[in-house]
Amino acid sequence: MAGSANINLLKNKTGISPEMVNIEVWLRMVSLATLAIVIVVGMVVGGGYIFLQQERVRLEQEKATLEQQLAQERQKEGMLATLKRRVALMGKIQTVQRSMGSVLSIAQTIAPGSQLTSIIVDEQQQIKVTAQTASVEEAAGVIINLLALAESNRVVSPELVGLELGKDGSVKLTVSFVQGTTSG
């Protein structure tokens, strides 16, 4: 024993039972399958994340585009609302406003020719006609014409508003009335 100073207490080969070998093989396959599943799931999750990121960017761009279109539509809507108000106002004006053709016809009947100097229509549809006549007789003719129109209901509430007698015998008179319902 002088040549061998080392004593090996460990067995060179330990015997593994066949059951343990089967379990070890099975554990390797399960671990490889689990690793493959984790890799596949990771790739699916990563792909889903990338897809969702791209979708989020696309939706944000679409949102910005829609907000811009909405701002343009608001401007159009404001213009449309203004237009509607103006159309409604024009409708009110048209319902209140009388035909100026019939007003001019009545004024020409009251003061024919060059006697007519002005016509004024106020908000209450009161019409004032001013005529300049050369004599009192012509002024009386203007009054007679006004009364004839009142009898035929072409004018309502005739009134002599003003009468001025000039030094040269001319007469300036202003009459007011409301246009009647008969167009005569």
N, C-alpha and C. Protein backbone atom coordinates (compact mmCIF):
# COMPACT_ATOMS: atom_id res chain seq x y z
N MET A 1 0.80 -1.15 0.00
CA MET A 1 0.00 0.00 0.00
C MET A 1 0.85 1.22 0.00
N ALA A 2 1.94 1.03 -0.19
CA ALA A 2 2.82 2.17 -0.18
C ALA A 2 2.65 2.99 -1.43
N GLY A 3 2.16 2.47 -2.53
CA GLY A 3 2.07 3.20 -3.79
C GLY A 3 0.81 4.03 -3.91
N SER A 4 -0.18 3.74 -3.24
CA SER A 4 -1.44 4.45 -3.43
C SER A 4 -1.75 5.23 -2.17
N ALA A 5 -1.66 6.50 -2.24
CA ALA A 5 -1.95 7.33 -1.10
C ALA A 5 -3.38 7.89 -1.17
N ASN A 6 -4.00 7.78 -2.31
CA ASN A 6 -5.36 8.32 -2.47
C ASN A 6 -6.37 7.21 -2.25
N ILE A 7 -7.35 7.57 -1.57
CA ILE A 7 -8.44 6.63 -1.38
C ILE A 7 -9.68 7.30 -1.99
N ASN A 8 -10.32 6.64 -2.92
CA ASN A 8 -11.52 7.16 -3.57
C ASN A 8 -12.72 6.54 -2.90
N LEU A 9 -13.46 7.36 -2.21
CA LEU A 9 -14.63 6.88 -1.51
C LEU A 9 -15.90 6.99 -2.36
N LEU A 10 -15.82 7.73 -3.44
CA LEU A 10 -16.99 7.90 -4.30
C LEU A 10 -17.01 6.83 -5.36
N LYS A 11 -18.18 6.46 -5.74
CA LYS A 11 -18.31 5.47 -6.78
C LYS A 11 -18.06 6.15 -8.10
N ASN A 12 -17.39 5.45 -9.00
CA ASN A 12 -17.15 6.01 -10.32
C ASN A 12 -18.46 6.21 -11.07
N LYS A 13 -19.29 5.31 -11.06
CA LYS A 13 -20.57 5.42 -11.76
C LYS A 13 -21.64 5.13 -10.76
N THR A 14 -22.57 6.02 -10.75
CA THR A 14 -23.72 5.75 -9.91
C THR A 14 -24.80 5.18 -10.80
N GLY A 15 -25.44 4.31 -10.42
CA GLY A 15 -26.48 3.71 -11.23
C GLY A 15 -27.79 4.46 -11.08
N ILE A 16 -28.34 4.87 -12.23
CA ILE A 16 -29.62 5.57 -12.24
C ILE A 16 -30.65 4.55 -12.65
N SER A 17 -31.70 4.59 -11.94
CA SER A 17 -32.74 3.63 -12.26
C SER A 17 -33.42 4.02 -13.56
N PRO A 18 -33.95 3.06 -14.30
CA PRO A 18 -34.63 3.38 -15.55
C PRO A 18 -35.83 4.30 -15.34
N GLU A 19 -36.46 4.28 -14.24
CA GLU A 19 -37.59 5.18 -13.98
C GLU A 19 -37.11 6.63 -13.92
N MET A 20 -35.96 6.80 -13.30
CA MET A 20 -35.40 8.14 -13.20
C MET A 20 -34.98 8.64 -14.57
N VAL A 21 -34.48 7.78 -15.42
CA VAL A 21 -34.10 8.16 -16.77
C VAL A 21 -35.34 8.59 -17.54
N ASN A 22 -36.40 7.84 -17.40
CA ASN A 22 -37.66 8.20 -18.08
C ASN A 22 -38.19 9.55 -17.58
N ILE A 23 -38.11 9.75 -16.29
CA ILE A 23 -38.57 11.02 -15.71
C ILE A 23 -37.70 12.16 -16.22
N GLU A 24 -36.40 11.93 -16.29
CA GLU A 24 -35.48 12.97 -16.78
C GLU A 24 -35.77 13.30 -18.24
N VAL A 25 -36.02 12.31 -19.07
CA VAL A 25 -36.35 12.52 -20.48
C VAL A 25 -37.68 13.27 -20.58
N TRP A 26 -38.61 12.84 -19.77
CA TRP A 26 -39.93 13.49 -19.80
C TRP A 26 -39.82 14.95 -19.34
N LEU A 27 -39.03 15.23 -18.33
CA LEU A 27 -38.83 16.60 -17.85
C LEU A 27 -38.15 17.46 -18.92
N ARG A 28 -37.19 16.90 -19.66
CA ARG A 28 -36.55 17.66 -20.74
C ARG A 28 -37.57 18.00 -21.81
N MET A 29 -38.40 17.04 -22.19
CA MET A 29 -39.42 17.30 -23.22
C MET A 29 -40.43 18.34 -22.74
N VAL A 30 -40.84 18.22 -21.50
CA VAL A 30 -41.80 19.19 -20.94
C VAL A 30 -41.16 20.57 -20.88
N SER A 31 -39.91 20.64 -20.47
CA SER A 31 -39.24 21.95 -20.40
C SER A 31 -39.05 22.54 -21.79
N LEU A 32 -38.71 21.69 -22.80
CA LEU A 32 -38.59 22.20 -24.17
C LEU A 32 -39.96 22.64 -24.71
N ALA A 33 -40.99 21.87 -24.42
CA ALA A 33 -42.34 22.24 -24.86
C ALA A 33 -42.78 23.54 -24.18
N THR A 34 -42.51 23.65 -22.90
CA THR A 34 -42.85 24.87 -22.16
C THR A 34 -42.09 26.06 -22.72
N LEU A 35 -40.80 25.85 -23.03
CA LEU A 35 -40.01 26.92 -23.62
C LEU A 35 -40.58 27.33 -24.97
N ALA A 36 -40.96 26.33 -25.78
CA ALA A 36 -41.55 26.63 -27.09
C ALA A 36 -42.87 27.38 -26.93
N ILE A 37 -43.68 26.94 -25.97
CA ILE A 37 -44.96 27.62 -25.72
C ILE A 37 -44.72 29.05 -25.26
N VAL A 38 -43.77 29.25 -24.37
CA VAL A 38 -43.46 30.60 -23.89
C VAL A 38 -42.97 31.47 -25.04
N ILE A 39 -42.13 30.90 -25.92
CA ILE A 39 -41.63 31.67 -27.07
C ILE A 39 -42.78 32.02 -28.01
N VAL A 40 -43.66 31.05 -28.30
CA VAL A 40 -44.80 31.31 -29.19
C VAL A 40 -45.74 32.34 -28.58
N VAL A 41 -46.05 32.17 -27.29
CA VAL A 41 -46.93 33.13 -26.61
C VAL A 41 -46.28 34.51 -26.60
N GLY A 42 -44.98 34.56 -26.37
CA GLY A 42 -44.27 35.84 -26.40
C GLY A 42 -44.34 36.50 -27.76
N MET A 43 -44.19 35.68 -28.81
CA MET A 43 -44.27 36.23 -30.16
C MET A 43 -45.69 36.72 -30.46
N VAL A 44 -46.70 35.95 -30.02
CA VAL A 44 -48.09 36.38 -30.24
C VAL A 44 -48.37 37.67 -29.48
N VAL A 45 -47.94 37.73 -28.23
CA VAL A 45 -48.15 38.95 -27.43
C VAL A 45 -47.38 40.11 -28.04
N GLY A 46 -46.15 39.88 -28.47
CA GLY A 46 -45.37 40.95 -29.11
C GLY A 46 -46.02 41.40 -30.40
N GLY A 47 -46.48 40.44 -31.22
CA GLY A 47 -47.17 40.80 -32.46
C GLY A 47 -48.45 41.57 -32.18
N GLY A 48 -49.20 41.11 -31.17
CA GLY A 48 -50.42 41.83 -30.79
C GLY A 48 -50.11 43.24 -30.31
N TYR A 49 -49.05 43.39 -29.54
CA TYR A 49 -48.65 44.71 -29.06
C TYR A 49 -48.30 45.63 -30.22
N ILE A 50 -47.50 45.10 -31.16
CA ILE A 50 -47.13 45.91 -32.34
C ILE A 50 -48.37 46.29 -33.13
N PHE A 51 -49.29 45.33 -33.33
CA PHE A 51 -50.53 45.61 -34.06
C PHE A 51 -51.34 46.68 -33.35
N LEU A 52 -51.48 46.54 -32.03
CA LEU A 52 -52.26 47.53 -31.27
C LEU A 52 -51.61 48.91 -31.31
N GLN A 53 -50.29 48.97 -31.27
CA GLN A 53 -49.60 50.25 -31.38
C GLN A 53 -49.88 50.91 -32.72
N GLN A 54 -49.78 50.13 -33.80
CA GLN A 54 -50.06 50.67 -35.13
C GLN A 54 -51.52 51.11 -35.23
N GLU A 55 -52.41 50.33 -34.66
CA GLU A 55 -53.84 50.67 -34.69
C GLU A 55 -54.09 51.96 -33.89
N ARG A 56 -53.40 52.10 -32.75
CA ARG A 56 -53.55 53.32 -31.94
C ARG A 56 -53.08 54.54 -32.73
N VAL A 57 -51.95 54.43 -33.40
CA VAL A 57 -51.42 55.54 -34.21
C VAL A 57 -52.40 55.88 -35.33
N ARG A 58 -52.93 54.84 -36.00
CA ARG A 58 -53.89 55.07 -37.09
C ARG A 58 -55.16 55.75 -36.56
N LEU A 59 -55.64 55.29 -35.41
CA LEU A 59 -56.85 55.89 -34.83
C LEU A 59 -56.61 57.33 -34.38
N GLU A 60 -55.43 57.62 -33.86
CA GLU A 60 -55.12 59.00 -33.47
C GLU A 60 -55.08 59.91 -34.70
N GLN A 61 -54.52 59.41 -35.80
CA GLN A 61 -54.51 60.20 -37.04
C GLN A 61 -55.93 60.40 -37.54
N GLU A 62 -56.74 59.36 -37.49
CA GLU A 62 -58.14 59.47 -37.93
C GLU A 62 -58.90 60.44 -37.04
N LYS A 63 -58.62 60.39 -35.73
CA LYS A 63 -59.26 61.32 -34.79
C LYS A 63 -58.90 62.76 -35.13
N ALA A 64 -57.62 63.00 -35.41
CA ALA A 64 -57.18 64.36 -35.76
C ALA A 64 -57.87 64.83 -37.04
N THR A 65 -57.98 63.93 -38.02
CA THR A 65 -58.65 64.28 -39.28
C THR A 65 -60.12 64.60 -39.03
N LEU A 66 -60.78 63.77 -38.23
CA LEU A 66 -62.20 64.00 -37.94
C LEU A 66 -62.41 65.28 -37.14
N GLU A 67 -61.50 65.58 -36.21
CA GLU A 67 -61.62 66.83 -35.45
C GLU A 67 -61.47 68.04 -36.38
N GLN A 68 -60.57 67.93 -37.34
CA GLN A 68 -60.39 69.02 -38.31
C GLN A 68 -61.65 69.17 -39.16
N GLN A 69 -62.21 68.05 -39.61
CA GLN A 69 -63.45 68.11 -40.40
C GLN A 69 -64.58 68.68 -39.56
N LEU A 70 -64.64 68.30 -38.28
CA LEU A 70 -65.67 68.80 -37.39
C LEU A 70 -65.55 70.31 -37.22
N ALA A 71 -64.33 70.80 -37.11
CA ALA A 71 -64.13 72.25 -37.00
C ALA A 71 -64.61 72.96 -38.26
N GLN A 72 -64.34 72.37 -39.42
CA GLN A 72 -64.82 72.96 -40.67
C GLN A 72 -66.34 72.91 -40.74
N GLU A 73 -66.93 71.81 -40.26
CA GLU A 73 -68.39 71.69 -40.28
C GLU A 73 -69.03 72.67 -39.30
N ARG A 74 -68.36 72.95 -38.18
CA ARG A 74 -68.89 73.93 -37.24
C ARG A 74 -68.96 75.30 -37.90
N GLN A 75 -67.93 75.62 -38.68
CA GLN A 75 -67.93 76.90 -39.40
C GLN A 75 -69.10 76.93 -40.38
N LYS A 76 -69.29 75.83 -41.11
CA LYS A 76 -70.41 75.76 -42.05
C LYS A 76 -71.74 75.83 -41.31
N GLU A 77 -71.80 75.18 -40.15
CA GLU A 77 -73.03 75.19 -39.37
C GLU A 77 -73.35 76.61 -38.89
N GLY A 78 -72.32 77.34 -38.49
CA GLY A 78 -72.52 78.73 -38.08
C GLY A 78 -73.02 79.58 -39.24
N MET A 79 -72.43 79.35 -40.41
CA MET A 79 -72.88 80.10 -41.58
C MET A 79 -74.32 79.72 -41.93
N LEU A 80 -74.66 78.44 -41.79
CA LEU A 80 -76.02 77.98 -42.07
C LEU A 80 -77.01 78.60 -41.08
N ALA A 81 -76.64 78.65 -39.80
CA ALA A 81 -77.51 79.26 -38.80
C ALA A 81 -77.72 80.74 -39.11
N THR A 82 -76.66 81.43 -39.49
CA THR A 82 -76.79 82.84 -39.86
C THR A 82 -77.70 83.00 -41.07
N LEU A 83 -77.52 82.14 -42.04
CA LEU A 83 -78.36 82.18 -43.24
C LEU A 83 -79.82 81.92 -42.89
N LYS A 84 -80.08 80.96 -42.01
CA LYS A 84 -81.46 80.67 -41.60
C LYS A 84 -82.08 81.88 -40.91
N ARG A 85 -81.31 82.53 -40.03
CA ARG A 85 -81.83 83.72 -39.35
C ARG A 85 -82.14 84.82 -40.36
N ARG A 86 -81.26 84.99 -41.33
CA ARG A 86 -81.48 86.03 -42.33
C ARG A 86 -82.68 85.71 -43.20
N VAL A 87 -82.85 84.44 -43.56
CA VAL A 87 -84.01 84.05 -44.36
C VAL A 87 -85.29 84.28 -43.57
N ALA A 88 -85.27 83.94 -42.27
CA ALA A 88 -86.44 84.17 -41.43
C ALA A 88 -86.74 85.66 -41.35
N LEU A 89 -85.70 86.47 -41.22
CA LEU A 89 -85.89 87.92 -41.17
C LEU A 89 -86.46 88.44 -42.48
N MET A 90 -85.94 87.92 -43.59
CA MET A 90 -86.47 88.33 -44.90
C MET A 90 -87.93 87.93 -45.03
N GLY A 91 -88.29 86.76 -44.51
CA GLY A 91 -89.68 86.32 -44.54
C GLY A 91 -90.57 87.27 -43.76
N LYS A 92 -90.09 87.71 -42.59
CA LYS A 92 -90.86 88.67 -41.80
C LYS A 92 -91.01 89.99 -42.55
N ILE A 93 -89.93 90.42 -43.16
CA ILE A 93 -89.98 91.68 -43.92
C ILE A 93 -90.96 91.56 -45.06
N GLN A 94 -90.95 90.43 -45.75
CA GLN A 94 -91.85 90.26 -46.89
C GLN A 94 -93.31 90.21 -46.45
N THR A 95 -93.58 89.64 -45.28
CA THR A 95 -94.97 89.59 -44.82
C THR A 95 -95.46 90.97 -44.41
N VAL A 96 -94.56 91.81 -43.90
CA VAL A 96 -94.97 93.15 -43.45
C VAL A 96 -94.96 94.15 -44.60
N GLN A 97 -94.04 94.00 -45.49
CA GLN A 97 -93.85 94.99 -46.55
C GLN A 97 -94.95 94.88 -47.62
N ARG A 98 -95.47 95.98 -47.98
CA ARG A 98 -96.49 96.02 -49.04
C ARG A 98 -95.80 96.23 -50.38
N SER A 99 -96.53 95.94 -51.41
CA SER A 99 -96.00 96.14 -52.75
C SER A 99 -95.85 97.63 -53.01
N MET A 100 -94.65 98.04 -53.37
CA MET A 100 -94.42 99.46 -53.64
C MET A 100 -95.10 99.88 -54.94
N GLY A 101 -95.35 98.95 -55.82
CA GLY A 101 -96.05 99.29 -57.06
C GLY A 101 -97.45 99.82 -56.78
N SER A 102 -98.16 99.16 -55.87
CA SER A 102 -99.51 99.63 -55.54
C SER A 102 -99.45 100.95 -54.77
N VAL A 103 -98.44 101.13 -53.94
CA VAL A 103 -98.29 102.40 -53.21
C VAL A 103 -98.04 103.54 -54.20
N LEU A 104 -97.15 103.31 -55.16
CA LEU A 104 -96.87 104.34 -56.16
C LEU A 104 -98.10 104.64 -57.01
N SER A 105 -98.88 103.61 -57.34
CA SER A 105 -100.10 103.81 -58.12
C SER A 105 -101.10 104.68 -57.36
N ILE A 106 -101.27 104.40 -56.07
CA ILE A 106 -102.18 105.20 -55.25
C ILE A 106 -101.67 106.63 -55.15
N ALA A 107 -100.36 106.79 -54.91
CA ALA A 107 -99.80 108.14 -54.80
C ALA A 107 -99.97 108.91 -56.10
N GLN A 108 -99.80 108.26 -57.23
CA GLN A 108 -99.98 108.92 -58.53
C GLN A 108 -101.45 109.30 -58.75
N THR A 109 -102.37 108.49 -58.22
CA THR A 109 -103.80 108.82 -58.34
C THR A 109 -104.13 110.03 -57.47
N ILE A 110 -103.54 110.10 -56.29
CA ILE A 110 -103.81 111.22 -55.39
C ILE A 110 -103.25 112.52 -55.96
N ALA A 111 -101.99 112.51 -56.37
CA ALA A 111 -101.34 113.72 -56.88
C ALA A 111 -100.77 113.41 -58.26
N PRO A 112 -101.57 113.59 -59.31
CA PRO A 112 -101.11 113.23 -60.66
C PRO A 112 -100.04 114.19 -61.19
N GLY A 113 -99.25 113.65 -62.12
CA GLY A 113 -98.26 114.47 -62.82
C GLY A 113 -97.11 114.88 -61.93
N SER A 114 -96.72 116.15 -62.07
CA SER A 114 -95.56 116.66 -61.35
C SER A 114 -95.92 117.20 -59.98
N GLN A 115 -97.15 117.03 -59.54
CA GLN A 115 -97.55 117.51 -58.21
C GLN A 115 -96.90 116.69 -57.09
N LEU A 116 -96.66 115.43 -57.33
CA LEU A 116 -96.13 114.52 -56.31
C LEU A 116 -94.66 114.87 -56.03
N THR A 117 -94.34 115.15 -54.75
CA THR A 117 -92.95 115.49 -54.41
C THR A 117 -92.27 114.45 -53.53
N SER A 118 -93.03 113.74 -52.66
CA SER A 118 -92.40 112.70 -51.84
C SER A 118 -93.43 111.68 -51.36
N ILE A 119 -92.89 110.48 -51.11
CA ILE A 119 -93.69 109.38 -50.55
C ILE A 119 -92.86 108.77 -49.42
N ILE A 120 -93.48 108.62 -48.26
CA ILE A 120 -92.80 108.02 -47.11
C ILE A 120 -93.69 106.89 -46.57
N VAL A 121 -93.08 105.71 -46.35
CA VAL A 121 -93.79 104.58 -45.75
C VAL A 121 -93.05 104.24 -44.46
N ASP A 122 -93.76 104.28 -43.31
CA ASP A 122 -93.10 103.97 -42.04
C ASP A 122 -93.32 102.51 -41.64
N GLU A 123 -92.83 102.14 -40.45
CA GLU A 123 -92.89 100.75 -39.99
C GLU A 123 -94.32 100.26 -39.79
N GLN A 124 -95.23 101.15 -39.45
CA GLN A 124 -96.63 100.76 -39.25
C GLN A 124 -97.42 100.78 -40.55
N GLN A 125 -96.72 100.87 -41.67
CA GLN A 125 -97.33 100.91 -43.01
C GLN A 125 -98.19 102.16 -43.22
N GLN A 126 -97.92 103.18 -42.44
CA GLN A 126 -98.56 104.48 -42.64
C GLN A 126 -97.84 105.15 -43.81
N ILE A 127 -98.60 105.61 -44.80
CA ILE A 127 -98.02 106.21 -46.00
C ILE A 127 -98.29 107.71 -45.96
N LYS A 128 -97.23 108.50 -46.18
CA LYS A 128 -97.37 109.96 -46.24
C LYS A 128 -96.98 110.41 -47.64
N VAL A 129 -97.88 111.16 -48.27
CA VAL A 129 -97.65 111.68 -49.62
C VAL A 129 -97.63 113.19 -49.53
N THR A 130 -96.59 113.80 -50.09
CA THR A 130 -96.49 115.25 -50.14
C THR A 130 -96.64 115.68 -51.59
N ALA A 131 -97.51 116.69 -51.80
CA ALA A 131 -97.75 117.19 -53.16
C ALA A 131 -97.60 118.70 -53.17
N GLN A 132 -97.09 119.22 -54.27
CA GLN A 132 -96.94 120.67 -54.47
C GLN A 132 -97.87 121.05 -55.63
N THR A 133 -98.87 121.89 -55.34
CA THR A 133 -99.82 122.30 -56.39
C THR A 133 -99.66 123.78 -56.66
N ALA A 134 -100.09 124.18 -57.84
CA ALA A 134 -99.95 125.58 -58.25
C ALA A 134 -101.04 126.46 -57.66
N SER A 135 -102.18 125.86 -57.28
CA SER A 135 -103.29 126.67 -56.78
C SER A 135 -104.07 125.90 -55.71
N VAL A 136 -104.96 126.63 -55.05
CA VAL A 136 -105.82 126.03 -54.04
C VAL A 136 -106.77 125.04 -54.70
N GLU A 137 -107.22 125.33 -55.93
CA GLU A 137 -108.14 124.43 -56.64
C GLU A 137 -107.47 123.07 -56.91
N GLU A 138 -106.18 123.09 -57.31
CA GLU A 138 -105.47 121.83 -57.54
C GLU A 138 -105.29 121.08 -56.22
N ALA A 139 -105.06 121.80 -55.11
CA ALA A 139 -104.94 121.17 -53.79
C ALA A 139 -106.26 120.52 -53.41
N ALA A 140 -107.36 121.19 -53.73
CA ALA A 140 -108.68 120.61 -53.46
C ALA A 140 -108.86 119.33 -54.29
N GLY A 141 -108.33 119.32 -55.51
CA GLY A 141 -108.39 118.11 -56.35
C GLY A 141 -107.64 116.95 -55.71
N VAL A 142 -106.49 117.24 -55.08
CA VAL A 142 -105.73 116.20 -54.39
C VAL A 142 -106.57 115.61 -53.26
N ILE A 143 -107.23 116.48 -52.49
CA ILE A 143 -108.08 116.02 -51.38
C ILE A 143 -109.24 115.20 -51.92
N ILE A 144 -109.86 115.65 -53.02
CA ILE A 144 -110.98 114.92 -53.62
C ILE A 144 -110.51 113.54 -54.09
N ASN A 145 -109.33 113.48 -54.71
CA ASN A 145 -108.79 112.18 -55.15
C ASN A 145 -108.57 111.24 -53.96
N LEU A 146 -108.05 111.78 -52.85
CA LEU A 146 -107.82 110.97 -51.66
C LEU A 146 -109.13 110.45 -51.09
N LEU A 147 -110.15 111.30 -51.05
CA LEU A 147 -111.45 110.87 -50.52
C LEU A 147 -112.10 109.82 -51.43
N ALA A 148 -111.91 109.96 -52.75
CA ALA A 148 -112.45 108.96 -53.68
C ALA A 148 -111.78 107.60 -53.45
N LEU A 149 -110.48 107.61 -53.21
CA LEU A 149 -109.78 106.36 -52.92
C LEU A 149 -110.24 105.76 -51.58
N ALA A 150 -110.57 106.61 -50.62
CA ALA A 150 -111.07 106.13 -49.33
C ALA A 150 -112.44 105.48 -49.50
N GLU A 151 -113.29 106.07 -50.36
CA GLU A 151 -114.62 105.49 -50.58
C GLU A 151 -114.52 104.13 -51.27
N SER A 152 -113.53 103.94 -52.13
CA SER A 152 -113.36 102.65 -52.81
C SER A 152 -112.51 101.67 -52.00
N ASN A 153 -112.18 102.03 -50.76
CA ASN A 153 -111.39 101.20 -49.83
C ASN A 153 -109.97 100.92 -50.31
N ARG A 154 -109.46 101.72 -51.21
CA ARG A 154 -108.05 101.57 -51.60
C ARG A 154 -107.13 102.20 -50.56
N VAL A 155 -107.66 103.18 -49.80
CA VAL A 155 -106.93 103.76 -48.67
C VAL A 155 -107.84 103.77 -47.47
N VAL A 156 -107.22 103.69 -46.29
CA VAL A 156 -107.96 103.68 -45.03
C VAL A 156 -107.39 104.79 -44.16
N SER A 157 -108.22 105.42 -43.38
CA SER A 157 -107.83 106.47 -42.44
C SER A 157 -107.09 107.62 -43.12
N PRO A 158 -107.68 108.25 -44.14
CA PRO A 158 -106.99 109.39 -44.76
C PRO A 158 -106.97 110.57 -43.80
N GLU A 159 -105.88 111.32 -43.86
CA GLU A 159 -105.69 112.43 -42.93
C GLU A 159 -104.86 113.52 -43.59
N LEU A 160 -105.27 114.76 -43.41
CA LEU A 160 -104.48 115.89 -43.89
C LEU A 160 -103.49 116.24 -42.78
N VAL A 161 -102.20 116.02 -43.03
CA VAL A 161 -101.18 116.20 -42.01
C VAL A 161 -100.64 117.62 -42.03
N GLY A 162 -100.44 118.17 -43.20
CA GLY A 162 -99.86 119.51 -43.28
C GLY A 162 -100.36 120.25 -44.51
N LEU A 163 -100.47 121.58 -44.38
CA LEU A 163 -100.92 122.42 -45.49
C LEU A 163 -100.16 123.74 -45.38
N GLU A 164 -99.43 124.09 -46.45
CA GLU A 164 -98.69 125.35 -46.48
C GLU A 164 -99.11 126.12 -47.72
N LEU A 165 -99.45 127.38 -47.52
CA LEU A 165 -99.84 128.25 -48.64
C LEU A 165 -98.67 129.19 -48.93
N GLY A 166 -98.18 129.13 -50.16
CA GLY A 166 -97.05 129.96 -50.56
C GLY A 166 -97.49 131.36 -50.94
N LYS A 167 -96.55 132.33 -51.00
CA LYS A 167 -96.85 133.72 -51.36
C LYS A 167 -97.32 133.81 -52.80
N ASP A 168 -96.87 132.88 -53.64
CA ASP A 168 -97.25 132.91 -55.05
C ASP A 168 -98.57 132.17 -55.31
N GLY A 169 -99.26 131.70 -54.26
CA GLY A 169 -100.54 131.01 -54.42
C GLY A 169 -100.39 129.50 -54.50
N SER A 170 -99.16 129.02 -54.47
CA SER A 170 -98.97 127.56 -54.52
C SER A 170 -99.30 126.96 -53.16
N VAL A 171 -99.64 125.68 -53.20
CA VAL A 171 -100.02 124.99 -51.97
C VAL A 171 -99.18 123.71 -51.86
N LYS A 172 -98.58 123.53 -50.68
CA LYS A 172 -97.87 122.28 -50.39
C LYS A 172 -98.68 121.56 -49.32
N LEU A 173 -99.14 120.35 -49.65
CA LEU A 173 -99.91 119.63 -48.65
C LEU A 173 -99.38 118.22 -48.48
N THR A 174 -99.51 117.73 -47.25
CA THR A 174 -99.09 116.37 -46.91
C THR A 174 -100.29 115.62 -46.37
N VAL A 175 -100.55 114.46 -46.96
CA VAL A 175 -101.66 113.62 -46.51
C VAL A 175 -101.08 112.28 -46.08
N SER A 176 -101.76 111.64 -45.13
CA SER A 176 -101.33 110.31 -44.70
C SER A 176 -102.51 109.36 -44.76
N PHE A 177 -102.20 108.08 -44.93
CA PHE A 177 -103.24 107.05 -45.01
C PHE A 177 -102.58 105.69 -44.87
N VAL A 178 -103.42 104.69 -44.74
CA VAL A 178 -102.96 103.31 -44.74
C VAL A 178 -103.54 102.68 -45.99
N GLN A 179 -102.73 101.89 -46.67
CA GLN A 179 -103.21 101.26 -47.89
C GLN A 179 -104.33 100.29 -47.55
N GLY A 180 -105.40 100.35 -48.32
CA GLY A 180 -106.56 99.49 -48.08
C GLY A 180 -106.37 98.11 -48.66
N THR A 181 -107.44 97.33 -48.55
CA THR A 181 -107.39 95.94 -49.02
C THR A 181 -107.79 95.81 -50.47
N THR A 182 -108.51 96.78 -51.01
CA THR A 182 -108.94 96.71 -52.40
C THR A 182 -107.88 97.34 -53.27
N SER A 183 -107.49 96.65 -54.36
CA SER A 183 -106.45 97.19 -55.23
C SER A 183 -107.04 98.04 -56.33
N GLY A 184 -108.37 98.05 -56.53
CA GLY A 184 -109.12 98.89 -57.43
C GLY A 184 -108.56 99.00 -58.74
